């Protein structure tokens, strides 16, 4: 089976399989349209990773270092981002609806655009104010 957009082989995970890599060093890794749904990457060093269109729904990303990462169009609905470092992280077009533990100050350090979907508890107005204070 191949991915229809990239033509690359697509690996199908068995039911119930969860990626469990807490504290992993994955700095600079490039993942094309990766499925990391429900993955445990808590406290991982993921600086400068490139994961366009990544599926991070319900992932455990507490205290992950995503400084300089490129998560354009990532689907992080329901992900736990408490304490995540997002300085310079590209979240353009990302879906953060339902993300847990994310605070305005974290998101103010990230790069977002009008297509970024924010959690209901963070308004664009609050984000603009916080960006002015950073």
C-alpha atoms as a PDB file:
ATOM      1  CA  UNK A   1       0.000   0.000   0.000  1.00  0.00           C
ATOM      2  CA  UNK A   2       1.373   3.449  -0.869  1.00  0.00           C
ATOM      3  CA  UNK A   3       0.472   6.952   0.156  1.00  0.00           C
ATOM      4  CA  UNK A   4      -1.493   8.536  -2.689  1.00  0.00           C
ATOM      5  CA  UNK A   5       0.201  11.926  -2.336  1.00  0.00           C
ATOM      6  CA  UNK A   6       3.850  10.948  -1.892  1.00  0.00           C
ATOM      7  CA  UNK A   7       3.931   7.480  -3.476  1.00  0.00           C
ATOM      8  CA  UNK A   8       5.887   6.258  -0.438  1.00  0.00           C
ATOM      9  CA  UNK A   9       5.070   2.946   1.217  1.00  0.00           C
ATOM     10  CA  UNK A  10       2.451   3.285   3.905  1.00  0.00           C
ATOM     11  CA  UNK A  11       2.902   1.186   7.013  1.00  0.00           C
ATOM     12  CA  UNK A  12      -0.323   0.116   8.645  1.00  0.00           C
ATOM     13  CA  UNK A  13      -0.096  -0.200  12.420  1.00  0.00           C
ATOM     14  CA  UNK A  14      -1.791  -3.178  14.035  1.00  0.00           C
ATOM     15  CA  UNK A  15      -4.877  -2.374  16.141  1.00  0.00           C
ATOM     16  CA  UNK A  16      -3.938  -1.278  19.645  1.00  0.00           C
ATOM     17  CA  UNK A  17      -0.321  -0.479  18.699  1.00  0.00           C
ATOM     18  CA  UNK A  18       0.911   2.696  20.389  1.00  0.00           C
ATOM     19  CA  UNK A  19       4.218   4.452  19.838  1.00  0.00           C
ATOM     20  CA  UNK A  20       5.820   4.791  23.278  1.00  0.00           C
ATOM     21  CA  UNK A  21       8.963   6.944  23.184  1.00  0.00           C
ATOM     22  CA  UNK A  22       9.026   9.119  26.328  1.00  0.00           C
ATOM     23  CA  UNK A  23      12.244  11.130  26.581  1.00  0.00           C
ATOM     24  CA  UNK A  24      13.356  10.096  23.081  1.00  0.00           C
ATOM     25  CA  UNK A  25      16.000  12.069  21.193  1.00  0.00           C
ATOM     26  CA  UNK A  26      14.431  12.646  17.788  1.00  0.00           C
ATOM     27  CA  UNK A  27      15.983  16.021  17.032  1.00  0.00           C
ATOM     28  CA  UNK A  28      15.916  16.950  13.335  1.00  0.00           C
ATOM     29  CA  UNK A  29      13.932  13.884  12.253  1.00  0.00           C
ATOM     30  CA  UNK A  30      11.773  14.297   9.139  1.00  0.00           C
ATOM     31  CA  UNK A  31       8.466  12.400   9.049  1.00  0.00           C
ATOM     32  CA  UNK A  32       6.216  12.656   5.992  1.00  0.00           C
ATOM     33  CA  UNK A  33       2.531  12.525   6.952  1.00  0.00           C
ATOM     34  CA  UNK A  34       3.342  10.404  10.000  1.00  0.00           C
ATOM     35  CA  UNK A  35       0.648   8.742  12.056  1.00  0.00           C
ATOM     36  CA  UNK A  36       1.575   9.355  15.676  1.00  0.00           C
ATOM     37  CA  UNK A  37      -1.983   9.173  16.975  1.00  0.00           C
ATOM     38  CA  UNK A  38      -1.953   8.455  20.709  1.00  0.00           C
ATOM     39  CA  UNK A  39       1.859   8.364  20.797  1.00  0.00           C
ATOM     40  CA  UNK A  40       3.734   9.001  24.042  1.00  0.00           C
ATOM     41  CA  UNK A  41       6.486  11.500  23.263  1.00  0.00           C
ATOM     42  CA  UNK A  42       6.486  13.164  26.688  1.00  0.00           C
ATOM     43  CA  UNK A  43       9.747  14.957  27.463  1.00  0.00           C
ATOM     44  CA  UNK A  44      11.198  14.074  24.053  1.00  0.00           C
ATOM     45  CA  UNK A  45      13.834  16.279  22.423  1.00  0.00           C
ATOM     46  CA  UNK A  46      12.098  16.977  19.132  1.00  0.00           C
ATOM     47  CA  UNK A  47      13.844  20.230  18.242  1.00  0.00           C
ATOM     48  CA  UNK A  48      13.858  21.013  14.529  1.00  0.00           C
ATOM     49  CA  UNK A  49      11.743  17.989  13.561  1.00  0.00           C
ATOM     50  CA  UNK A  50       9.735  18.267  10.348  1.00  0.00           C
ATOM     51  CA  UNK A  51       6.328  16.615  10.479  1.00  0.00           C
ATOM     52  CA  UNK A  52       4.075  18.216   7.877  1.00  0.00           C
ATOM     53  CA  UNK A  53       0.538  16.827   7.979  1.00  0.00           C
ATOM     54  CA  UNK A  54       1.414  14.647  10.994  1.00  0.00           C
ATOM     55  CA  UNK A  55      -1.421  12.969  12.856  1.00  0.00           C
ATOM     56  CA  UNK A  56      -0.823  13.706  16.546  1.00  0.00           C
ATOM     57  CA  UNK A  57      -4.385  13.301  17.773  1.00  0.00           C
ATOM     58  CA  UNK A  58      -4.564  12.415  21.470  1.00  0.00           C
ATOM     59  CA  UNK A  59      -0.763  12.201  21.676  1.00  0.00           C
ATOM     60  CA  UNK A  60       1.009  12.698  25.011  1.00  0.00           C
ATOM     61  CA  UNK A  61       3.381  15.587  24.298  1.00  0.00           C
ATOM     62  CA  UNK A  62       3.896  16.908  27.831  1.00  0.00           C
ATOM     63  CA  UNK A  63       7.165  18.825  28.263  1.00  0.00           C
ATOM     64  CA  UNK A  64       8.296  17.941  24.727  1.00  0.00           C
ATOM     65  CA  UNK A  65      10.856  20.331  23.240  1.00  0.00           C
ATOM     66  CA  UNK A  66       9.510  21.337  19.816  1.00  0.00           C
ATOM     67  CA  UNK A  67      11.716  24.417  19.454  1.00  0.00           C
ATOM     68  CA  UNK A  68      12.129  25.237  15.762  1.00  0.00           C
ATOM     69  CA  UNK A  69       9.997  22.268  14.705  1.00  0.00           C
ATOM     70  CA  UNK A  70       7.865  22.378  11.563  1.00  0.00           C
ATOM     71  CA  UNK A  71       4.414  20.934  12.245  1.00  0.00           C
ATOM     72  CA  UNK A  72       2.603  22.634   9.390  1.00  0.00           C
ATOM     73  CA  UNK A  73      -0.937  21.272   8.975  1.00  0.00           C
ATOM     74  CA  UNK A  74      -0.452  18.815  11.868  1.00  0.00           C
ATOM     75  CA  UNK A  75      -3.597  17.389  13.432  1.00  0.00           C
ATOM     76  CA  UNK A  76      -3.052  17.673  17.181  1.00  0.00           C
ATOM     77  CA  UNK A  77      -6.677  17.534  18.289  1.00  0.00           C
ATOM     78  CA  UNK A  78      -6.889  16.292  21.861  1.00  0.00           C
ATOM     79  CA  UNK A  79      -3.103  16.194  22.308  1.00  0.00           C
ATOM     80  CA  UNK A  80      -1.660  16.936  25.770  1.00  0.00           C
ATOM     81  CA  UNK A  81       0.764  19.834  25.259  1.00  0.00           C
ATOM     82  CA  UNK A  82       1.257  20.879  28.905  1.00  0.00           C
ATOM     83  CA  UNK A  83       4.720  22.360  29.303  1.00  0.00           C
ATOM     84  CA  UNK A  84       5.660  21.875  25.632  1.00  0.00           C
ATOM     85  CA  UNK A  85       8.352  24.259  24.363  1.00  0.00           C
ATOM     86  CA  UNK A  86       7.046  25.860  21.172  1.00  0.00           C
ATOM     87  CA  UNK A  87       9.557  28.659  20.506  1.00  0.00           C
ATOM     88  CA  UNK A  88       9.625  29.181  16.729  1.00  0.00           C
ATOM     89  CA  UNK A  89       7.520  26.066  16.089  1.00  0.00           C
ATOM     90  CA  UNK A  90       5.642  26.309  12.777  1.00  0.00           C
ATOM     91  CA  UNK A  91       1.997  25.562  13.511  1.00  0.00           C
ATOM     92  CA  UNK A  92       0.573  27.133  10.364  1.00  0.00           C
ATOM     93  CA  UNK A  93      -2.593  25.301   9.404  1.00  0.00           C
ATOM     94  CA  UNK A  94      -2.338  23.015  12.456  1.00  0.00           C
ATOM     95  CA  UNK A  95      -5.486  21.828  14.215  1.00  0.00           C
ATOM     96  CA  UNK A  96      -5.159  22.319  17.982  1.00  0.00           C
ATOM     97  CA  UNK A  97      -8.846  22.045  18.835  1.00  0.00           C
ATOM     98  CA  UNK A  98      -9.336  20.131  22.043  1.00  0.00           C
ATOM     99  CA  UNK A  99      -5.610  20.227  22.870  1.00  0.00           C
ATOM    100  CA  UNK A 100      -5.041  19.982  26.609  1.00  0.00           C
ATOM    101  CA  UNK A 101      -2.596  21.870  28.830  1.00  0.00           C
ATOM    102  CA  UNK A 102      -1.696  24.465  26.206  1.00  0.00           C
ATOM    103  CA  UNK A 103      -1.473  28.025  27.516  1.00  0.00           C
ATOM    104  CA  UNK A 104      -1.434  31.348  25.699  1.00  0.00           C
ATOM    105  CA  UNK A 105       2.200  32.063  26.606  1.00  0.00           C
ATOM    106  CA  UNK A 106       3.360  28.815  24.969  1.00  0.00           C
ATOM    107  CA  UNK A 107       1.414  29.450  21.797  1.00  0.00           C
ATOM    108  CA  UNK A 108       2.608  33.069  21.625  1.00  0.00           C
ATOM    109  CA  UNK A 109       6.125  31.755  20.949  1.00  0.00           C
ATOM    110  CA  UNK A 110       4.957  29.590  18.028  1.00  0.00           C
ATOM    111  CA  UNK A 111       4.362  30.638  14.422  1.00  0.00           C
ATOM    112  CA  UNK A 112       0.689  30.441  13.506  1.00  0.00           C
ATOM    113  CA  UNK A 113      -1.527  31.858  10.789  1.00  0.00           C
ATOM    114  CA  UNK A 114      -5.224  32.403  10.100  1.00  0.00           C
ATOM    115  CA  UNK A 115      -5.634  28.721   9.177  1.00  0.00           C
ATOM    116  CA  UNK A 116      -4.341  27.474  12.544  1.00  0.00           C
ATOM    117  CA  UNK A 117      -7.257  26.123  14.557  1.00  0.00           C
ATOM    118  CA  UNK A 118      -6.891  27.073  18.202  1.00  0.00           C
ATOM    119  CA  UNK A 119      -8.311  25.362  21.288  1.00  0.00           C
ATOM    120  CA  UNK A 120     -11.640  26.876  22.365  1.00  0.00           C
ATOM    121  CA  UNK A 121     -10.079  28.257  25.548  1.00  0.00           C
ATOM    122  CA  UNK A 122      -7.479  30.391  23.688  1.00  0.00           C
ATOM    123  CA  UNK A 123      -8.742  33.372  21.728  1.00  0.00           C
ATOM    124  CA  UNK A 124      -6.828  35.075  18.930  1.00  0.00           C
ATOM    125  CA  UNK A 125      -7.193  38.345  20.867  1.00  0.00           C
ATOM    126  CA  UNK A 126      -5.498  36.885  23.970  1.00  0.00           C
ATOM    127  CA  UNK A 127      -2.825  35.426  21.742  1.00  0.00           C
ATOM    128  CA  UNK A 128      -2.157  38.794  20.082  1.00  0.00           C
ATOM    129  CA  UNK A 129      -1.838  40.446  23.513  1.00  0.00           C
ATOM    130  CA  UNK A 130       0.580  37.745  24.663  1.00  0.00           C
ATOM    131  CA  UNK A 131       2.660  38.067  21.489  1.00  0.00           C
ATOM    132  CA  UNK A 132       3.001  41.776  22.200  1.00  0.00           C
ATOM    133  CA  UNK A 133       4.381  40.922  25.654  1.00  0.00           C
ATOM    134  CA  UNK A 134       6.904  38.326  24.364  1.00  0.00           C
END
